[in-house]
Amino acid sequence: MINLLAVALGGGAGALSRYGLVMAVTRLGFTGFPWATLIVNVSGSFLIGLVWALLEHKSMLDTPWRALLIVGLLGGFTTFSSFSLETLTMMQQLRWGAAAGNVSLNLVGCLLAVAAGATLANNFTG
């Protein structure tokens, strides 16, 4: 039961954090390309790598902290469904270069970010 509450609390906080970041990026004038989603996905990937490695090092992967931080907070923060819809919209608009760029930047950026987060955590705990 505690894990369910942890996921719910983390998920709400993650979704609110994502919404705030999207609003901030939009207010800064970054439009025409889904920059906010890219920033959320890459930063969320970095954070999930960092948190996962820290929890693994402390043997805490099966605790409510994992449910709160990884499943809830970062699961609610990252936006793969938004990324998919934005990419589909670009494809439907025949903006093939933008769609390919969005897929490439998200995939490579998120893989590099999760590796960087895990490496950083391992360097601090190692």
N, C-alpha and C. Protein backbone atom coordinates (compact mmCIF):
# COMPACT_ATOMS: atom_id res chain seq x y z
N MET A 1 0.81 -1.20 0.00
CA MET A 1 0.00 0.00 0.00
C MET A 1 0.86 1.27 0.00
N ILE A 2 1.97 1.22 0.71
CA ILE A 2 2.85 2.39 0.78
C ILE A 2 3.44 2.70 -0.59
N ASN A 3 3.73 1.66 -1.38
CA ASN A 3 4.27 1.89 -2.72
C ASN A 3 3.26 2.57 -3.62
N LEU A 4 1.98 2.20 -3.51
CA LEU A 4 0.94 2.85 -4.30
C LEU A 4 0.83 4.34 -3.97
N LEU A 5 0.90 4.64 -2.70
CA LEU A 5 0.85 6.04 -2.29
C LEU A 5 2.09 6.80 -2.76
N ALA A 6 3.24 6.14 -2.72
CA ALA A 6 4.48 6.77 -3.18
C ALA A 6 4.40 7.08 -4.67
N VAL A 7 3.89 6.13 -5.46
CA VAL A 7 3.76 6.35 -6.91
C VAL A 7 2.79 7.50 -7.18
N ALA A 8 1.67 7.52 -6.48
CA ALA A 8 0.67 8.58 -6.68
C ALA A 8 1.23 9.95 -6.33
N LEU A 9 1.91 10.04 -5.22
CA LEU A 9 2.49 11.31 -4.80
C LEU A 9 3.58 11.76 -5.77
N GLY A 10 4.46 10.84 -6.13
CA GLY A 10 5.53 11.16 -7.07
C GLY A 10 5.01 11.50 -8.45
N GLY A 11 4.00 10.74 -8.91
CA GLY A 11 3.43 10.99 -10.24
C GLY A 11 2.80 12.37 -10.33
N GLY A 12 2.08 12.77 -9.30
CA GLY A 12 1.48 14.11 -9.30
C GLY A 12 2.54 15.18 -9.33
N ALA A 13 3.58 15.02 -8.52
CA ALA A 13 4.67 16.00 -8.49
C ALA A 13 5.40 16.04 -9.83
N GLY A 14 5.61 14.87 -10.44
CA GLY A 14 6.29 14.81 -11.73
C GLY A 14 5.49 15.49 -12.83
N ALA A 15 4.19 15.24 -12.86
CA ALA A 15 3.34 15.86 -13.88
C ALA A 15 3.29 17.37 -13.71
N LEU A 16 3.20 17.83 -12.47
CA LEU A 16 3.20 19.28 -12.22
C LEU A 16 4.54 19.90 -12.61
N SER A 17 5.61 19.19 -12.35
CA SER A 17 6.94 19.69 -12.73
C SER A 17 7.07 19.80 -14.25
N ARG A 18 6.58 18.77 -14.95
CA ARG A 18 6.61 18.80 -16.41
C ARG A 18 5.80 19.98 -16.94
N TYR A 19 4.61 20.18 -16.41
CA TYR A 19 3.75 21.27 -16.85
C TYR A 19 4.45 22.61 -16.63
N GLY A 20 5.06 22.80 -15.49
CA GLY A 20 5.77 24.04 -15.20
C GLY A 20 6.92 24.28 -16.16
N LEU A 21 7.68 23.24 -16.46
CA LEU A 21 8.79 23.39 -17.39
C LEU A 21 8.30 23.71 -18.80
N VAL A 22 7.24 23.04 -19.24
CA VAL A 22 6.67 23.30 -20.57
C VAL A 22 6.20 24.74 -20.66
N MET A 23 5.54 25.23 -19.64
CA MET A 23 5.06 26.62 -19.63
C MET A 23 6.23 27.61 -19.67
N ALA A 24 7.28 27.31 -18.92
CA ALA A 24 8.45 28.19 -18.89
C ALA A 24 9.14 28.25 -20.25
N VAL A 25 9.33 27.10 -20.87
CA VAL A 25 10.00 27.05 -22.17
C VAL A 25 9.15 27.77 -23.22
N THR A 26 7.85 27.59 -23.16
CA THR A 26 6.95 28.26 -24.10
C THR A 26 6.99 29.78 -23.90
N ARG A 27 6.98 30.22 -22.67
CA ARG A 27 7.05 31.67 -22.38
C ARG A 27 8.36 32.28 -22.87
N LEU A 28 9.40 31.49 -22.89
CA LEU A 28 10.69 31.98 -23.38
C LEU A 28 10.73 32.07 -24.90
N GLY A 29 9.67 31.61 -25.56
CA GLY A 29 9.55 31.77 -27.00
C GLY A 29 10.07 30.62 -27.82
N PHE A 30 10.37 29.49 -27.20
CA PHE A 30 10.86 28.33 -27.94
C PHE A 30 9.66 27.58 -28.52
N THR A 31 9.25 27.98 -29.72
CA THR A 31 8.12 27.36 -30.38
C THR A 31 8.54 26.89 -31.77
N GLY A 32 7.68 26.16 -32.43
CA GLY A 32 7.98 25.67 -33.77
C GLY A 32 8.66 24.32 -33.78
N PHE A 33 9.17 23.89 -32.65
CA PHE A 33 9.77 22.58 -32.46
C PHE A 33 9.49 22.20 -31.02
N PRO A 34 9.24 20.95 -30.72
CA PRO A 34 8.89 20.57 -29.34
C PRO A 34 10.10 20.57 -28.39
N TRP A 35 10.69 21.75 -28.20
CA TRP A 35 11.86 21.87 -27.33
C TRP A 35 11.55 21.47 -25.89
N ALA A 36 10.39 21.85 -25.39
CA ALA A 36 10.06 21.54 -24.00
C ALA A 36 10.04 20.03 -23.77
N THR A 37 9.45 19.28 -24.70
CA THR A 37 9.40 17.82 -24.57
C THR A 37 10.81 17.24 -24.62
N LEU A 38 11.64 17.75 -25.51
CA LEU A 38 13.02 17.28 -25.59
C LEU A 38 13.76 17.55 -24.27
N ILE A 39 13.60 18.75 -23.73
CA ILE A 39 14.26 19.09 -22.46
C ILE A 39 13.77 18.18 -21.34
N VAL A 40 12.47 17.96 -21.28
CA VAL A 40 11.90 17.08 -20.26
C VAL A 40 12.44 15.66 -20.42
N ASN A 41 12.43 15.14 -21.64
CA ASN A 41 12.88 13.76 -21.85
C ASN A 41 14.36 13.58 -21.53
N VAL A 42 15.19 14.53 -21.95
CA VAL A 42 16.63 14.40 -21.69
C VAL A 42 16.94 14.60 -20.21
N SER A 43 16.37 15.62 -19.59
CA SER A 43 16.64 15.85 -18.17
C SER A 43 16.04 14.72 -17.32
N GLY A 44 14.87 14.23 -17.70
CA GLY A 44 14.28 13.11 -16.99
C GLY A 44 15.11 11.85 -17.12
N SER A 45 15.69 11.63 -18.29
CA SER A 45 16.56 10.47 -18.49
C SER A 45 17.83 10.59 -17.65
N PHE A 46 18.39 11.79 -17.60
CA PHE A 46 19.57 12.01 -16.75
C PHE A 46 19.22 11.72 -15.29
N LEU A 47 18.12 12.27 -14.83
CA LEU A 47 17.73 12.10 -13.43
C LEU A 47 17.40 10.64 -13.10
N ILE A 48 16.75 9.94 -14.03
CA ILE A 48 16.41 8.55 -13.75
C ILE A 48 17.68 7.69 -13.69
N GLY A 49 18.68 8.01 -14.53
CA GLY A 49 19.96 7.31 -14.44
C GLY A 49 20.66 7.59 -13.13
N LEU A 50 20.65 8.83 -12.71
CA LEU A 50 21.28 9.25 -11.45
C LEU A 50 20.60 8.58 -10.26
N VAL A 51 19.29 8.68 -10.19
CA VAL A 51 18.54 8.13 -9.06
C VAL A 51 18.65 6.61 -9.03
N TRP A 52 18.52 5.98 -10.19
CA TRP A 52 18.61 4.52 -10.25
C TRP A 52 19.96 4.05 -9.73
N ALA A 53 21.04 4.69 -10.19
CA ALA A 53 22.38 4.26 -9.75
C ALA A 53 22.58 4.51 -8.26
N LEU A 54 22.07 5.63 -7.75
CA LEU A 54 22.19 5.90 -6.32
C LEU A 54 21.41 4.87 -5.49
N LEU A 55 20.19 4.57 -5.91
CA LEU A 55 19.39 3.59 -5.18
C LEU A 55 19.97 2.19 -5.29
N GLU A 56 20.54 1.87 -6.46
CA GLU A 56 21.16 0.55 -6.62
C GLU A 56 22.37 0.41 -5.70
N HIS A 57 23.17 1.47 -5.63
CA HIS A 57 24.37 1.43 -4.79
C HIS A 57 24.00 1.25 -3.31
N LYS A 58 22.89 1.81 -2.91
CA LYS A 58 22.45 1.71 -1.52
C LYS A 58 21.50 0.54 -1.30
N SER A 59 21.36 -0.32 -2.32
CA SER A 59 20.47 -1.49 -2.25
C SER A 59 19.06 -1.10 -1.84
N MET A 60 18.54 -0.05 -2.45
CA MET A 60 17.21 0.47 -2.11
C MET A 60 16.24 0.36 -3.28
N LEU A 61 16.51 -0.51 -4.24
CA LEU A 61 15.67 -0.56 -5.44
C LEU A 61 14.28 -1.13 -5.20
N ASP A 62 14.06 -1.83 -4.11
CA ASP A 62 12.74 -2.40 -3.86
C ASP A 62 12.03 -1.68 -2.71
N THR A 63 12.35 -0.43 -2.51
CA THR A 63 11.75 0.33 -1.41
C THR A 63 10.74 1.33 -1.95
N PRO A 64 9.98 1.94 -1.06
CA PRO A 64 9.07 3.01 -1.51
C PRO A 64 9.80 4.17 -2.19
N TRP A 65 11.08 4.35 -1.92
CA TRP A 65 11.83 5.42 -2.59
C TRP A 65 11.90 5.19 -4.08
N ARG A 66 12.08 3.94 -4.50
CA ARG A 66 12.10 3.62 -5.93
C ARG A 66 10.74 3.94 -6.54
N ALA A 67 9.69 3.53 -5.87
CA ALA A 67 8.34 3.79 -6.36
C ALA A 67 8.07 5.29 -6.45
N LEU A 68 8.48 6.03 -5.44
CA LEU A 68 8.25 7.47 -5.41
C LEU A 68 9.06 8.19 -6.48
N LEU A 69 10.36 7.93 -6.54
CA LEU A 69 11.25 8.71 -7.39
C LEU A 69 11.28 8.23 -8.85
N ILE A 70 11.44 6.95 -9.07
CA ILE A 70 11.60 6.45 -10.44
C ILE A 70 10.25 6.25 -11.12
N VAL A 71 9.38 5.48 -10.51
CA VAL A 71 8.09 5.20 -11.15
C VAL A 71 7.18 6.42 -11.11
N GLY A 72 7.06 7.05 -9.95
CA GLY A 72 6.15 8.18 -9.78
C GLY A 72 6.68 9.48 -10.34
N LEU A 73 7.66 10.06 -9.66
CA LEU A 73 8.15 11.40 -10.02
C LEU A 73 8.70 11.46 -11.44
N LEU A 74 9.65 10.60 -11.75
CA LEU A 74 10.28 10.68 -13.07
C LEU A 74 9.42 10.07 -14.16
N GLY A 75 8.61 9.07 -13.81
CA GLY A 75 7.64 8.54 -14.77
C GLY A 75 6.57 9.57 -15.11
N GLY A 76 6.15 10.35 -14.12
CA GLY A 76 5.17 11.41 -14.35
C GLY A 76 5.78 12.62 -15.05
N PHE A 77 7.08 12.79 -14.90
CA PHE A 77 7.78 13.95 -15.48
C PHE A 77 8.09 13.75 -16.95
N THR A 78 8.57 12.58 -17.33
CA THR A 78 8.96 12.37 -18.72
C THR A 78 7.73 12.21 -19.60
N THR A 79 7.93 12.42 -20.88
CA THR A 79 6.77 12.63 -21.75
C THR A 79 6.86 11.86 -23.06
N PHE A 80 7.07 10.57 -22.97
CA PHE A 80 7.20 9.82 -24.21
C PHE A 80 5.94 9.87 -25.05
N SER A 81 4.78 9.87 -24.41
CA SER A 81 3.54 9.95 -25.18
C SER A 81 3.42 11.29 -25.88
N SER A 82 3.83 12.36 -25.24
CA SER A 82 3.82 13.68 -25.89
C SER A 82 4.79 13.70 -27.06
N PHE A 83 5.97 13.14 -26.86
CA PHE A 83 6.98 13.05 -27.92
C PHE A 83 6.41 12.31 -29.13
N SER A 84 5.72 11.21 -28.87
CA SER A 84 5.16 10.41 -29.97
C SER A 84 4.10 11.19 -30.74
N LEU A 85 3.22 11.87 -30.04
CA LEU A 85 2.17 12.64 -30.69
C LEU A 85 2.76 13.81 -31.48
N GLU A 86 3.74 14.50 -30.91
CA GLU A 86 4.36 15.62 -31.61
C GLU A 86 5.08 15.15 -32.88
N THR A 87 5.73 13.99 -32.80
CA THR A 87 6.41 13.44 -33.97
C THR A 87 5.39 13.05 -35.05
N LEU A 88 4.30 12.42 -34.65
CA LEU A 88 3.26 12.05 -35.60
C LEU A 88 2.68 13.30 -36.26
N THR A 89 2.46 14.34 -35.49
CA THR A 89 1.92 15.59 -36.05
C THR A 89 2.87 16.16 -37.09
N MET A 90 4.16 16.16 -36.81
CA MET A 90 5.13 16.65 -37.79
C MET A 90 5.11 15.80 -39.06
N MET A 91 4.95 14.49 -38.89
CA MET A 91 4.90 13.60 -40.06
C MET A 91 3.64 13.87 -40.87
N GLN A 92 2.52 14.07 -40.21
CA GLN A 92 1.28 14.36 -40.91
C GLN A 92 1.34 15.70 -41.64
N GLN A 93 2.16 16.62 -41.12
CA GLN A 93 2.36 17.92 -41.76
C GLN A 93 3.46 17.85 -42.82
N LEU A 94 3.95 16.64 -43.08
CA LEU A 94 5.03 16.39 -44.05
C LEU A 94 6.32 17.12 -43.68
N ARG A 95 6.54 17.34 -42.40
CA ARG A 95 7.77 17.95 -41.89
C ARG A 95 8.72 16.82 -41.50
N TRP A 96 9.16 16.11 -42.54
CA TRP A 96 9.95 14.90 -42.32
C TRP A 96 11.28 15.17 -41.62
N GLY A 97 11.94 16.26 -41.98
CA GLY A 97 13.22 16.60 -41.34
C GLY A 97 13.05 16.88 -39.86
N ALA A 98 12.02 17.66 -39.52
CA ALA A 98 11.76 17.97 -38.12
C ALA A 98 11.40 16.71 -37.34
N ALA A 99 10.58 15.83 -37.96
CA ALA A 99 10.20 14.58 -37.30
C ALA A 99 11.42 13.70 -37.05
N ALA A 100 12.27 13.57 -38.06
CA ALA A 100 13.48 12.76 -37.91
C ALA A 100 14.42 13.37 -36.87
N GLY A 101 14.53 14.69 -36.89
CA GLY A 101 15.36 15.37 -35.90
C GLY A 101 14.84 15.15 -34.49
N ASN A 102 13.52 15.21 -34.34
CA ASN A 102 12.92 15.01 -33.03
C ASN A 102 13.19 13.60 -32.52
N VAL A 103 13.02 12.61 -33.38
CA VAL A 103 13.28 11.22 -32.98
C VAL A 103 14.76 11.05 -32.63
N SER A 104 15.64 11.55 -33.47
CA SER A 104 17.08 11.40 -33.25
C SER A 104 17.54 12.10 -31.99
N LEU A 105 17.12 13.35 -31.81
CA LEU A 105 17.55 14.11 -30.63
C LEU A 105 17.03 13.49 -29.35
N ASN A 106 15.79 13.04 -29.34
CA ASN A 106 15.25 12.42 -28.14
C ASN A 106 15.93 11.09 -27.84
N LEU A 107 16.11 10.26 -28.85
CA LEU A 107 16.72 8.96 -28.63
C LEU A 107 18.17 9.09 -28.16
N VAL A 108 18.98 9.80 -28.92
CA VAL A 108 20.39 9.95 -28.57
C VAL A 108 20.55 10.75 -27.28
N GLY A 109 19.82 11.85 -27.19
CA GLY A 109 19.92 12.69 -25.99
C GLY A 109 19.55 11.94 -24.72
N CYS A 110 18.47 11.17 -24.77
CA CYS A 110 18.02 10.44 -23.58
C CYS A 110 18.96 9.30 -23.22
N LEU A 111 19.48 8.60 -24.22
CA LEU A 111 20.44 7.53 -23.93
C LEU A 111 21.72 8.10 -23.32
N LEU A 112 22.21 9.20 -23.87
CA LEU A 112 23.41 9.82 -23.30
C LEU A 112 23.14 10.36 -21.90
N ALA A 113 21.95 10.93 -21.70
CA ALA A 113 21.62 11.51 -20.40
C ALA A 113 21.48 10.44 -19.32
N VAL A 114 20.84 9.32 -19.63
CA VAL A 114 20.70 8.27 -18.62
C VAL A 114 22.07 7.68 -18.28
N ALA A 115 22.94 7.54 -19.26
CA ALA A 115 24.29 7.05 -19.00
C ALA A 115 25.08 8.06 -18.18
N ALA A 116 24.93 9.35 -18.47
CA ALA A 116 25.62 10.39 -17.71
C ALA A 116 25.15 10.42 -16.26
N GLY A 117 23.84 10.30 -16.06
CA GLY A 117 23.31 10.29 -14.70
C GLY A 117 23.82 9.11 -13.90
N ALA A 118 23.81 7.94 -14.50
CA ALA A 118 24.30 6.74 -13.81
C ALA A 118 25.80 6.85 -13.53
N THR A 119 26.56 7.37 -14.49
CA THR A 119 28.01 7.53 -14.30
C THR A 119 28.30 8.52 -13.19
N LEU A 120 27.58 9.62 -13.17
CA LEU A 120 27.77 10.62 -12.11
C LEU A 120 27.49 10.02 -10.75
N ALA A 121 26.39 9.31 -10.63
CA ALA A 121 26.06 8.68 -9.35
C ALA A 121 27.11 7.66 -8.93
N ASN A 122 27.58 6.87 -9.89
CA ASN A 122 28.60 5.88 -9.58
C ASN A 122 29.91 6.52 -9.16
N ASN A 123 30.24 7.68 -9.73
CA ASN A 123 31.45 8.38 -9.33
C ASN A 123 31.35 8.91 -7.91
N PHE A 124 30.16 9.30 -7.49
CA PHE A 124 29.97 9.81 -6.13
C PHE A 124 29.90 8.70 -5.10
N THR A 125 29.42 7.55 -5.51
CA THR A 125 29.24 6.46 -4.55
C THR A 125 30.32 5.41 -4.63
N GLY A 126 31.13 5.46 -5.67
CA GLY A 126 32.01 4.42 -6.02
C GLY A 126 33.23 4.13 -5.34
